[in-house]
Amino acid sequence: MAIACVAYINCENITLERQAADAKLNRSRTGKGKKPFEDYYLCHLRASRGEAGAGEGQGGEHGFRYDVRAHFRRLPDGRLTWVRAHQRGVGHELYRPKVYQVQ
């Protein structure tokens, strides 16, 4: 899990933005004897070149709609990018949900 998190953060299309904790809220918390909030990061995902958004495309080569899990993709130049979960075959009304069995 930790390796997957580091790989996600190191993707070419992920940027991190540091957010400072609210000073007024921290003063209030310390006054009540609570631990102050620490700074945190926001992950921003930008679409890769050539990545279609949700609902785009015709889905002509697929016989039905189906779900695709989010995954890492290695580009031809060696960079790593994150692909969001989406559906393929969106031009079809027939939908086959993916069912996973846990044993």
PDB file of N, CA and C in Angstrom:
ATOM      1  N   MET A   1       0.831  -1.188   0.000  1.00  0.00           N
ATOM      2  CA  MET A   1       0.000   0.000   0.000  1.00  0.00           C
ATOM      3  C   MET A   1       0.878   1.255   0.000  1.00  0.00           C
ATOM      4  N   ALA A   2       1.912   1.245   0.799  1.00  0.00           N
ATOM      5  CA  ALA A   2       2.790   2.412   0.882  1.00  0.00           C
ATOM      6  C   ALA A   2       3.483   2.654  -0.457  1.00  0.00           C
ATOM      7  N   ILE A   3       3.907   1.585  -1.129  1.00  0.00           N
ATOM      8  CA  ILE A   3       4.573   1.731  -2.420  1.00  0.00           C
ATOM      9  C   ILE A   3       3.609   2.313  -3.441  1.00  0.00           C
ATOM     10  N   ALA A   4       2.347   1.866  -3.416  1.00  0.00           N
ATOM     11  CA  ALA A   4       1.351   2.395  -4.344  1.00  0.00           C
ATOM     12  C   ALA A   4       1.109   3.887  -4.079  1.00  0.00           C
ATOM     13  N   CYS A   5       1.091   4.298  -2.806  1.00  0.00           N
ATOM     14  CA  CYS A   5       0.900   5.722  -2.478  1.00  0.00           C
ATOM     15  C   CYS A   5       2.064   6.564  -2.984  1.00  0.00           C
ATOM     16  N   VAL A   6       3.277   6.083  -2.805  1.00  0.00           N
ATOM     17  CA  VAL A   6       4.452   6.819  -3.288  1.00  0.00           C
ATOM     18  C   VAL A   6       4.441   6.895  -4.807  1.00  0.00           C
ATOM     19  N   ALA A   7       4.087   5.799  -5.473  1.00  0.00           N
ATOM     20  CA  ALA A   7       4.010   5.802  -6.934  1.00  0.00           C
ATOM     21  C   ALA A   7       2.944   6.785  -7.411  1.00  0.00           C
ATOM     22  N   TYR A   8       1.809   6.845  -6.719  1.00  0.00           N
ATOM     23  CA  TYR A   8       0.730   7.776  -7.068  1.00  0.00           C
ATOM     24  C   TYR A   8       1.212   9.221  -6.966  1.00  0.00           C
ATOM     25  N   ILE A   9       1.904   9.537  -5.892  1.00  0.00           N
ATOM     26  CA  ILE A   9       2.384  10.905  -5.685  1.00  0.00           C
ATOM     27  C   ILE A   9       3.456  11.275  -6.709  1.00  0.00           C
ATOM     28  N   ASN A  10       4.261  10.300  -7.136  1.00  0.00           N
ATOM     29  CA  ASN A  10       5.343  10.568  -8.080  1.00  0.00           C
ATOM     30  C   ASN A  10       4.897  10.562  -9.533  1.00  0.00           C
ATOM     31  N   CYS A  11       3.625  10.344  -9.804  1.00  0.00           N
ATOM     32  CA  CYS A  11       3.138  10.348 -11.188  1.00  0.00           C
ATOM     33  C   CYS A  11       3.347  11.724 -11.806  1.00  0.00           C
ATOM     34  N   GLU A  12       3.516  11.728 -13.117  1.00  0.00           N
ATOM     35  CA  GLU A  12       3.781  12.953 -13.859  1.00  0.00           C
ATOM     36  C   GLU A  12       2.587  13.908 -13.831  1.00  0.00           C
ATOM     37  N   ASN A  13       1.370  13.371 -13.743  1.00  0.00           N
ATOM     38  CA  ASN A  13       0.180  14.213 -13.821  1.00  0.00           C
ATOM     39  C   ASN A  13      -0.423  14.527 -12.447  1.00  0.00           C
ATOM     40  N   ILE A  14       0.330  14.300 -11.374  1.00  0.00           N
ATOM     41  CA  ILE A  14      -0.121  14.602 -10.013  1.00  0.00           C
ATOM     42  C   ILE A  14       0.721  15.752  -9.461  1.00  0.00           C
ATOM     43  N   THR A  15       0.068  16.765  -8.926  1.00  0.00           N
ATOM     44  CA  THR A  15       0.785  17.843  -8.261  1.00  0.00           C
ATOM     45  C   THR A  15       0.264  17.955  -6.834  1.00  0.00           C
ATOM     46  N   LEU A  16       1.160  18.284  -5.915  1.00  0.00           N
ATOM     47  CA  LEU A  16       0.801  18.446  -4.510  1.00  0.00           C
ATOM     48  C   LEU A  16       0.790  19.921  -4.157  1.00  0.00           C
ATOM     49  N   GLU A  17      -0.201  20.317  -3.403  1.00  0.00           N
ATOM     50  CA  GLU A  17      -0.308  21.705  -2.949  1.00  0.00           C
ATOM     51  C   GLU A  17      -0.417  21.683  -1.425  1.00  0.00           C
ATOM     52  N   ARG A  18       0.526  22.330  -0.768  1.00  0.00           N
ATOM     53  CA  ARG A  18       0.529  22.355   0.697  1.00  0.00           C
ATOM     54  C   ARG A  18      -0.481  23.376   1.197  1.00  0.00           C
ATOM     55  N   GLN A  19      -1.312  22.961   2.156  1.00  0.00           N
ATOM     56  CA  GLN A  19      -2.312  23.829   2.748  1.00  0.00           C
ATOM     57  C   GLN A  19      -1.962  24.015   4.226  1.00  0.00           C
ATOM     58  N   ALA A  20      -1.883  25.250   4.639  1.00  0.00           N
ATOM     59  CA  ALA A  20      -1.600  25.538   6.042  1.00  0.00           C
ATOM     60  C   ALA A  20      -2.886  25.394   6.855  1.00  0.00           C
ATOM     61  N   ALA A  21      -2.749  24.876   8.052  1.00  0.00           N
ATOM     62  CA  ALA A  21      -3.898  24.750   8.940  1.00  0.00           C
ATOM     63  C   ALA A  21      -4.359  26.149   9.349  1.00  0.00           C
ATOM     64  N   ASP A  22      -5.643  26.285   9.582  1.00  0.00           N
ATOM     65  CA  ASP A  22      -6.227  27.573   9.945  1.00  0.00           C
ATOM     66  C   ASP A  22      -5.705  28.010  11.315  1.00  0.00           C
ATOM     67  N   ALA A  23      -5.038  29.171  11.355  1.00  0.00           N
ATOM     68  CA  ALA A  23      -4.417  29.656  12.595  1.00  0.00           C
ATOM     69  C   ALA A  23      -5.467  29.950  13.668  1.00  0.00           C
ATOM     70  N   LYS A  24      -6.592  30.532  13.275  1.00  0.00           N
ATOM     71  CA  LYS A  24      -7.645  30.863  14.238  1.00  0.00           C
ATOM     72  C   LYS A  24      -8.214  29.589  14.861  1.00  0.00           C
ATOM     73  N   LEU A  25      -8.413  28.564  14.038  1.00  0.00           N
ATOM     74  CA  LEU A  25      -8.931  27.296  14.543  1.00  0.00           C
ATOM     75  C   LEU A  25      -7.926  26.630  15.481  1.00  0.00           C
ATOM     76  N   ASN A  26      -6.644  26.713  15.138  1.00  0.00           N
ATOM     77  CA  ASN A  26      -5.617  26.121  15.996  1.00  0.00           C
ATOM     78  C   ASN A  26      -5.524  26.843  17.343  1.00  0.00           C
ATOM     79  N   ARG A  27      -5.653  28.169  17.346  1.00  0.00           N
ATOM     80  CA  ARG A  27      -5.645  28.914  18.612  1.00  0.00           C
ATOM     81  C   ARG A  27      -6.811  28.472  19.494  1.00  0.00           C
ATOM     82  N   SER A  28      -7.965  28.285  18.868  1.00  0.00           N
ATOM     83  CA  SER A  28      -9.142  27.856  19.603  1.00  0.00           C
ATOM     84  C   SER A  28      -8.943  26.449  20.174  1.00  0.00           C
ATOM     85  N   ARG A  29      -8.340  25.570  19.393  1.00  0.00           N
ATOM     86  CA  ARG A  29      -8.122  24.194  19.844  1.00  0.00           C
ATOM     87  C   ARG A  29      -7.112  24.137  20.990  1.00  0.00           C
ATOM     88  N   THR A  30      -6.020  24.896  20.859  1.00  0.00           N
ATOM     89  CA  THR A  30      -5.020  24.883  21.932  1.00  0.00           C
ATOM     90  C   THR A  30      -5.584  25.506  23.211  1.00  0.00           C
ATOM     91  N   GLY A  31      -6.462  26.473  23.060  1.00  0.00           N
ATOM     92  CA  GLY A  31      -7.106  27.079  24.228  1.00  0.00           C
ATOM     93  C   GLY A  31      -7.990  26.092  24.967  1.00  0.00           C
ATOM     94  N   LYS A  32      -8.532  25.123  24.253  1.00  0.00           N
ATOM     95  CA  LYS A  32      -9.376  24.093  24.866  1.00  0.00           C
ATOM     96  C   LYS A  32      -8.576  22.878  25.303  1.00  0.00           C
ATOM     97  N   GLY A  33      -7.244  22.926  25.149  1.00  0.00           N
ATOM     98  CA  GLY A  33      -6.398  21.817  25.560  1.00  0.00           C
ATOM     99  C   GLY A  33      -6.297  20.698  24.530  1.00  0.00           C
ATOM    100  N   LYS A  34      -6.725  20.959  23.288  1.00  0.00           N
ATOM    101  CA  LYS A  34      -6.650  19.952  22.228  1.00  0.00           C
ATOM    102  C   LYS A  34      -5.390  20.166  21.397  1.00  0.00           C
ATOM    103  N   LYS A  35      -4.978  19.120  20.682  1.00  0.00           N
ATOM    104  CA  LYS A  35      -3.827  19.236  19.789  1.00  0.00           C
ATOM    105  C   LYS A  35      -4.203  20.091  18.575  1.00  0.00           C
ATOM    106  N   PRO A  36      -3.314  20.974  18.140  1.00  0.00           N
ATOM    107  CA  PRO A  36      -3.627  21.768  16.935  1.00  0.00           C
ATOM    108  C   PRO A  36      -3.551  20.898  15.685  1.00  0.00           C
ATOM    109  N   PHE A  37      -4.287  21.330  14.643  1.00  0.00           N
ATOM    110  CA  PHE A  37      -4.232  20.643  13.361  1.00  0.00           C
ATOM    111  C   PHE A  37      -2.900  20.922  12.688  1.00  0.00           C
ATOM    112  N   GLU A  38      -2.374  19.924  11.972  1.00  0.00           N
ATOM    113  CA  GLU A  38      -1.128  20.092  11.234  1.00  0.00           C
ATOM    114  C   GLU A  38      -1.433  20.497   9.798  1.00  0.00           C
ATOM    115  N   ASP A  39      -0.407  21.011   9.113  1.00  0.00           N
ATOM    116  CA  ASP A  39      -0.558  21.335   7.700  1.00  0.00           C
ATOM    117  C   ASP A  39      -0.842  20.048   6.928  1.00  0.00           C
ATOM    118  N   TYR A  40      -1.497  20.189   5.771  1.00  0.00           N
ATOM    119  CA  TYR A  40      -1.848  19.023   4.975  1.00  0.00           C
ATOM    120  C   TYR A  40      -1.626  19.325   3.493  1.00  0.00           C
ATOM    121  N   TYR A  41      -1.720  18.293   2.666  1.00  0.00           N
ATOM    122  CA  TYR A  41      -1.498  18.424   1.234  1.00  0.00           C
ATOM    123  C   TYR A  41      -2.757  18.070   0.465  1.00  0.00           C
ATOM    124  N   LEU A  42      -2.980  18.774  -0.642  1.00  0.00           N
ATOM    125  CA  LEU A  42      -4.035  18.439  -1.585  1.00  0.00           C
ATOM    126  C   LEU A  42      -3.374  17.866  -2.831  1.00  0.00           C
ATOM    127  N   CYS A  43      -3.908  16.756  -3.334  1.00  0.00           N
ATOM    128  CA  CYS A  43      -3.410  16.158  -4.576  1.00  0.00           C
ATOM    129  C   CYS A  43      -4.296  16.633  -5.715  1.00  0.00           C
ATOM    130  N   HIS A  44      -3.693  17.213  -6.745  1.00  0.00           N
ATOM    131  CA  HIS A  44      -4.423  17.654  -7.925  1.00  0.00           C
ATOM    132  C   HIS A  44      -4.040  16.750  -9.085  1.00  0.00           C
ATOM    133  N   LEU A  45      -5.042  16.191  -9.760  1.00  0.00           N
ATOM    134  CA  LEU A  45      -4.834  15.308 -10.899  1.00  0.00           C
ATOM    135  C   LEU A  45      -5.218  16.061 -12.154  1.00  0.00           C
ATOM    136  N   ARG A  46      -4.279  16.170 -13.090  1.00  0.00           N
ATOM    137  CA  ARG A  46      -4.629  16.814 -14.358  1.00  0.00           C
ATOM    138  C   ARG A  46      -4.650  15.742 -15.432  1.00  0.00           C
ATOM    139  N   ALA A  47      -5.544  15.916 -16.389  1.00  0.00           N
ATOM    140  CA  ALA A  47      -5.724  14.924 -17.444  1.00  0.00           C
ATOM    141  C   ALA A  47      -4.461  14.815 -18.285  1.00  0.00           C
ATOM    142  N   SER A  48      -4.109  13.596 -18.631  1.00  0.00           N
ATOM    143  CA  SER A  48      -2.950  13.362 -19.496  1.00  0.00           C
ATOM    144  C   SER A  48      -3.310  13.731 -20.924  1.00  0.00           C
ATOM    145  N   ARG A  49      -2.284  13.975 -21.724  1.00  0.00           N
ATOM    146  CA  ARG A  49      -2.535  14.232 -23.141  1.00  0.00           C
ATOM    147  C   ARG A  49      -3.139  12.995 -23.767  1.00  0.00           C
ATOM    148  N   GLY A  50      -4.202  13.189 -24.524  1.00  0.00           N
ATOM    149  CA  GLY A  50      -4.831  12.087 -25.220  1.00  0.00           C
ATOM    150  C   GLY A  50      -5.790  11.278 -24.363  1.00  0.00           C
ATOM    151  N   GLU A  51      -5.942  11.626 -23.096  1.00  0.00           N
ATOM    152  CA  GLU A  51      -6.871  10.895 -22.232  1.00  0.00           C
ATOM    153  C   GLU A  51      -8.265  11.460 -22.419  1.00  0.00           C
ATOM    154  N   ALA A  52      -9.191  10.618 -22.779  1.00  0.00           N
ATOM    155  CA  ALA A  52     -10.565  11.060 -22.987  1.00  0.00           C
ATOM    156  C   ALA A  52     -11.248  11.229 -21.639  1.00  0.00           C
ATOM    157  N   GLY A  53     -12.119  12.219 -21.540  1.00  0.00           N
ATOM    158  CA  GLY A  53     -12.875  12.414 -20.317  1.00  0.00           C
ATOM    159  C   GLY A  53     -14.018  11.427 -20.234  1.00  0.00           C
ATOM    160  N   ALA A  54     -14.690  11.414 -19.110  1.00  0.00           N
ATOM    161  CA  ALA A  54     -15.800  10.485 -18.923  1.00  0.00           C
ATOM    162  C   ALA A  54     -16.925  10.832 -19.886  1.00  0.00           C
ATOM    163  N   GLY A  55     -17.470   9.815 -20.527  1.00  0.00           N
ATOM    164  CA  GLY A  55     -18.605  10.031 -21.425  1.00  0.00           C
ATOM    165  C   GLY A  55     -18.237  10.394 -22.836  1.00  0.00           C
ATOM    166  N   GLU A  56     -16.982  10.490 -23.161  1.00  0.00           N
ATOM    167  CA  GLU A  56     -16.579  10.837 -24.519  1.00  0.00           C
ATOM    168  C   GLU A  56     -16.350   9.572 -25.330  1.00  0.00           C
ATOM    169  N   GLY A  57     -16.375   9.696 -26.631  1.00  0.00           N
ATOM    170  CA  GLY A  57     -16.105   8.571 -27.505  1.00  0.00           C
ATOM    171  C   GLY A  57     -17.377   7.837 -27.879  1.00  0.00           C
ATOM    172  N   GLN A  58     -17.253   6.953 -28.863  1.00  0.00           N
ATOM    173  CA  GLN A  58     -18.412   6.233 -29.360  1.00  0.00           C
ATOM    174  C   GLN A  58     -18.505   4.823 -28.825  1.00  0.00           C
ATOM    175  N   GLY A  59     -17.394   4.198 -28.503  1.00  0.00           N
ATOM    176  CA  GLY A  59     -17.434   2.830 -28.009  1.00  0.00           C
ATOM    177  C   GLY A  59     -17.773   1.828 -29.097  1.00  0.00           C
ATOM    178  N   GLY A  60     -17.425   2.115 -30.338  1.00  0.00           N
ATOM    179  CA  GLY A  60     -17.795   1.260 -31.457  1.00  0.00           C
ATOM    180  C   GLY A  60     -17.134  -0.104 -31.434  1.00  0.00           C
ATOM    181  N   GLU A  61     -15.955  -0.232 -30.852  1.00  0.00           N
ATOM    182  CA  GLU A  61     -15.260  -1.513 -30.863  1.00  0.00           C
ATOM    183  C   GLU A  61     -15.663  -2.402 -29.689  1.00  0.00           C
ATOM    184  N   HIS A  62     -16.530  -1.931 -28.811  1.00  0.00           N
ATOM    185  CA  HIS A  62     -16.983  -2.705 -27.660  1.00  0.00           C
ATOM    186  C   HIS A  62     -18.439  -3.103 -27.879  1.00  0.00           C
ATOM    187  N   GLY A  63     -18.810  -4.271 -27.401  1.00  0.00           N
ATOM    188  CA  GLY A  63     -20.181  -4.741 -27.568  1.00  0.00           C
ATOM    189  C   GLY A  63     -21.102  -4.324 -26.443  1.00  0.00           C
ATOM    190  N   PHE A  64     -20.549  -3.773 -25.362  1.00  0.00           N
ATOM    191  CA  PHE A  64     -21.341  -3.358 -24.215  1.00  0.00           C
ATOM    192  C   PHE A  64     -20.518  -2.385 -23.385  1.00  0.00           C
ATOM    193  N   ARG A  65     -21.204  -1.680 -22.451  1.00  0.00           N
ATOM    194  CA  ARG A  65     -20.513  -0.790 -21.527  1.00  0.00           C
ATOM    195  C   ARG A  65     -19.968  -1.583 -20.368  1.00  0.00           C
ATOM    196  N   TYR A  66     -18.787  -1.214 -19.877  1.00  0.00           N
ATOM    197  CA  TYR A  66     -18.218  -1.873 -18.709  1.00  0.00           C
ATOM    198  C   TYR A  66     -17.291  -0.920 -17.979  1.00  0.00           C
ATOM    199  N   ASP A  67     -17.074  -1.226 -16.702  1.00  0.00           N
ATOM    200  CA  ASP A  67     -16.242  -0.383 -15.838  1.00  0.00           C
ATOM    201  C   ASP A  67     -14.771  -0.748 -15.992  1.00  0.00           C
ATOM    202  N   VAL A  68     -13.925   0.266 -15.858  1.00  0.00           N
ATOM    203  CA  VAL A  68     -12.474   0.081 -15.848  1.00  0.00           C
ATOM    204  C   VAL A  68     -11.965   0.686 -14.549  1.00  0.00           C
ATOM    205  N   ARG A  69     -11.202  -0.109 -13.780  1.00  0.00           N
ATOM    206  CA  ARG A  69     -10.661   0.389 -12.516  1.00  0.00           C
ATOM    207  C   ARG A  69      -9.560   1.417 -12.774  1.00  0.00           C
ATOM    208  N   ALA A  70      -9.327   2.277 -11.795  1.00  0.00           N
ATOM    209  CA  ALA A  70      -8.208   3.222 -11.878  1.00  0.00           C
ATOM    210  C   ALA A  70      -6.910   2.424 -11.827  1.00  0.00           C
ATOM    211  N   HIS A  71      -5.906   2.910 -12.548  1.00  0.00           N
ATOM    212  CA  HIS A  71      -4.644   2.166 -12.620  1.00  0.00           C
ATOM    213  C   HIS A  71      -3.513   3.092 -13.055  1.00  0.00           C
ATOM    214  N   PHE A  72      -2.282   2.597 -12.886  1.00  0.00           N
ATOM    215  CA  PHE A  72      -1.109   3.301 -13.381  1.00  0.00           C
ATOM    216  C   PHE A  72      -0.890   2.903 -14.827  1.00  0.00           C
ATOM    217  N   ARG A  73      -0.406   3.844 -15.644  1.00  0.00           N
ATOM    218  CA  ARG A  73      -0.058   3.554 -17.030  1.00  0.00           C
ATOM    219  C   ARG A  73       1.361   4.068 -17.271  1.00  0.00           C
ATOM    220  N   ARG A  74       2.192   3.212 -17.821  1.00  0.00           N
ATOM    221  CA  ARG A  74       3.536   3.633 -18.194  1.00  0.00           C
ATOM    222  C   ARG A  74       3.501   4.088 -19.642  1.00  0.00           C
ATOM    223  N   LEU A  75       3.874   5.332 -19.887  1.00  0.00           N
ATOM    224  CA  LEU A  75       3.869   5.905 -21.222  1.00  0.00           C
ATOM    225  C   LEU A  75       5.093   5.437 -21.999  1.00  0.00           C
ATOM    226  N   PRO A  76       5.069   5.525 -23.333  1.00  0.00           N
ATOM    227  CA  PRO A  76       6.200   5.049 -24.141  1.00  0.00           C
ATOM    228  C   PRO A  76       7.537   5.708 -23.791  1.00  0.00           C
ATOM    229  N   ASP A  77       7.504   6.940 -23.301  1.00  0.00           N
ATOM    230  CA  ASP A  77       8.758   7.612 -22.943  1.00  0.00           C
ATOM    231  C   ASP A  77       9.221   7.277 -21.522  1.00  0.00           C
ATOM    232  N   GLY A  78       8.507   6.356 -20.828  1.00  0.00           N
ATOM    233  CA  GLY A  78       8.940   5.890 -19.517  1.00  0.00           C
ATOM    234  C   GLY A  78       8.271   6.584 -18.342  1.00  0.00           C
ATOM    235  N   ARG A  79       7.528   7.652 -18.587  1.00  0.00           N
ATOM    236  CA  ARG A  79       6.857   8.339 -17.483  1.00  0.00           C
ATOM    237  C   ARG A  79       5.696   7.505 -16.972  1.00  0.00           C
ATOM    238  N   LEU A  80       5.326   7.721 -15.713  1.00  0.00           N
ATOM    239  CA  LEU A  80       4.218   7.018 -15.085  1.00  0.00           C
ATOM    240  C   LEU A  80       3.075   7.999 -14.911  1.00  0.00           C
ATOM    241  N   THR A  81       1.863   7.581 -15.239  1.00  0.00           N
ATOM    242  CA  THR A  81       0.710   8.451 -15.108  1.00  0.00           C
ATOM    243  C   THR A  81      -0.430   7.679 -14.462  1.00  0.00           C
ATOM    244  N   TRP A  82      -1.354   8.374 -13.831  1.00  0.00           N
ATOM    245  CA  TRP A  82      -2.496   7.773 -13.165  1.00  0.00           C
ATOM    246  C   TRP A  82      -3.713   7.928 -14.063  1.00  0.00           C
ATOM    247  N   VAL A  83      -4.415   6.833 -14.308  1.00  0.00           N
ATOM    248  CA  VAL A  83      -5.624   6.844 -15.129  1.00  0.00           C
ATOM    249  C   VAL A  83      -6.808   6.641 -14.185  1.00  0.00           C
ATOM    250  N   ARG A  84      -7.746   7.578 -14.211  1.00  0.00           N
ATOM    251  CA  ARG A  84      -8.909   7.497 -13.336  1.00  0.00           C
ATOM    252  C   ARG A  84      -9.863   6.384 -13.767  1.00  0.00           C
ATOM    253  N   ALA A  85     -10.701   5.944 -12.850  1.00  0.00           N
ATOM    254  CA  ALA A  85     -11.719   4.950 -13.172  1.00  0.00           C
ATOM    255  C   ALA A  85     -12.692   5.552 -14.187  1.00  0.00           C
ATOM    256  N   HIS A  86     -13.112   4.747 -15.151  1.00  0.00           N
ATOM    257  CA  HIS A  86     -14.014   5.221 -16.189  1.00  0.00           C
ATOM    258  C   HIS A  86     -14.768   4.042 -16.782  1.00  0.00           C
ATOM    259  N   GLN A  87     -15.630   4.326 -17.752  1.00  0.00           N
ATOM    260  CA  GLN A  87     -16.360   3.277 -18.454  1.00  0.00           C
ATOM    261  C   GLN A  87     -15.920   3.252 -19.908  1.00  0.00           C
ATOM    262  N   ARG A  88     -15.884   2.060 -20.472  1.00  0.00           N
ATOM    263  CA  ARG A  88     -15.612   1.903 -21.903  1.00  0.00           C
ATOM    264  C   ARG A  88     -16.879   1.400 -22.571  1.00  0.00           C
ATOM    265  N   GLY A  89     -16.959   1.631 -23.865  1.00  0.00           N
ATOM    266  CA  GLY A  89     -18.128   1.212 -24.620  1.00  0.00           C
ATOM    267  C   GLY A  89     -19.344   2.049 -24.305  1.00  0.00           C
ATOM    268  N   VAL A  90     -19.163   3.355 -24.077  1.00  0.00           N
ATOM    269  CA  VAL A  90     -20.253   4.215 -23.632  1.00  0.00           C
ATOM    270  C   VAL A  90     -21.318   4.433 -24.706  1.00  0.00           C
ATOM    271  N   GLY A  91     -21.074   4.003 -25.938  1.00  0.00           N
ATOM    272  CA  GLY A  91     -22.073   4.147 -26.987  1.00  0.00           C
ATOM    273  C   GLY A  91     -23.158   3.082 -26.918  1.00  0.00           C
ATOM    274  N   HIS A  92     -23.040   2.127 -26.002  1.00  0.00           N
ATOM    275  CA  HIS A  92     -23.997   1.030 -25.906  1.00  0.00           C
ATOM    276  C   HIS A  92     -24.872   1.170 -24.675  1.00  0.00           C
ATOM    277  N   GLU A  93     -26.122   0.726 -24.789  1.00  0.00           N
ATOM    278  CA  GLU A  93     -27.035   0.770 -23.653  1.00  0.00           C
ATOM    279  C   GLU A  93     -26.838  -0.417 -22.722  1.00  0.00           C
ATOM    280  N   LEU A  94     -26.400  -1.559 -23.264  1.00  0.00           N
ATOM    281  CA  LEU A  94     -26.193  -2.750 -22.450  1.00  0.00           C
ATOM    282  C   LEU A  94     -24.999  -2.526 -21.528  1.00  0.00           C
ATOM    283  N   TYR A  95     -25.247  -2.644 -20.220  1.00  0.00           N
ATOM    284  CA  TYR A  95     -24.203  -2.412 -19.226  1.00  0.00           C
ATOM    285  C   TYR A  95     -23.963  -3.698 -18.452  1.00  0.00           C
ATOM    286  N   ARG A  96     -22.716  -4.122 -18.389  1.00  0.00           N
ATOM    287  CA  ARG A  96     -22.334  -5.301 -17.623  1.00  0.00           C
ATOM    288  C   ARG A  96     -21.413  -4.859 -16.480  1.00  0.00           C
ATOM    289  N   PRO A  97     -21.955  -4.787 -15.256  1.00  0.00           N
ATOM    290  CA  PRO A  97     -21.091  -4.389 -14.134  1.00  0.00           C
ATOM    291  C   PRO A  97     -20.075  -5.469 -13.829  1.00  0.00           C
ATOM    292  N   LYS A  98     -18.891  -5.074 -13.404  1.00  0.00           N
ATOM    293  CA  LYS A  98     -17.855  -6.021 -13.024  1.00  0.00           C
ATOM    294  C   LYS A  98     -18.091  -6.443 -11.592  1.00  0.00           C
ATOM    295  N   VAL A  99     -18.154  -7.744 -11.364  1.00  0.00           N
ATOM    296  CA  VAL A  99     -18.381  -8.277 -10.028  1.00  0.00           C
ATOM    297  C   VAL A  99     -17.140  -9.028  -9.610  1.00  0.00           C
ATOM    298  N   TYR A 100     -16.589  -8.662  -8.466  1.00  0.00           N
ATOM    299  CA  TYR A 100     -15.393  -9.299  -7.937  1.00  0.00           C
ATOM    300  C   TYR A 100     -15.789 -10.248  -6.816  1.00  0.00           C
ATOM    301  N   GLN A 101     -15.199 -11.421  -6.798  1.00  0.00           N
ATOM    302  CA  GLN A 101     -15.462 -12.382  -5.745  1.00  0.00           C
ATOM    303  C   GLN A 101     -14.236 -12.440  -4.819  1.00  0.00           C
ATOM    304  N   VAL A 102     -14.485 -12.337  -3.530  1.00  0.00           N
ATOM    305  CA  VAL A 102     -13.409 -12.418  -2.547  1.00  0.00           C
ATOM    306  C   VAL A 102     -13.517 -13.771  -1.867  1.00  0.00           C
ATOM    307  N   GLN A 103     -12.415 -14.513  -1.879  1.00  0.00           N
ATOM    308  CA  GLN A 103     -12.434 -15.842  -1.258  1.00  0.00           C
ATOM    309  C   GLN A 103     -11.495 -15.900  -0.080  1.00  0.00           C
TER     310      GLN A 103
END
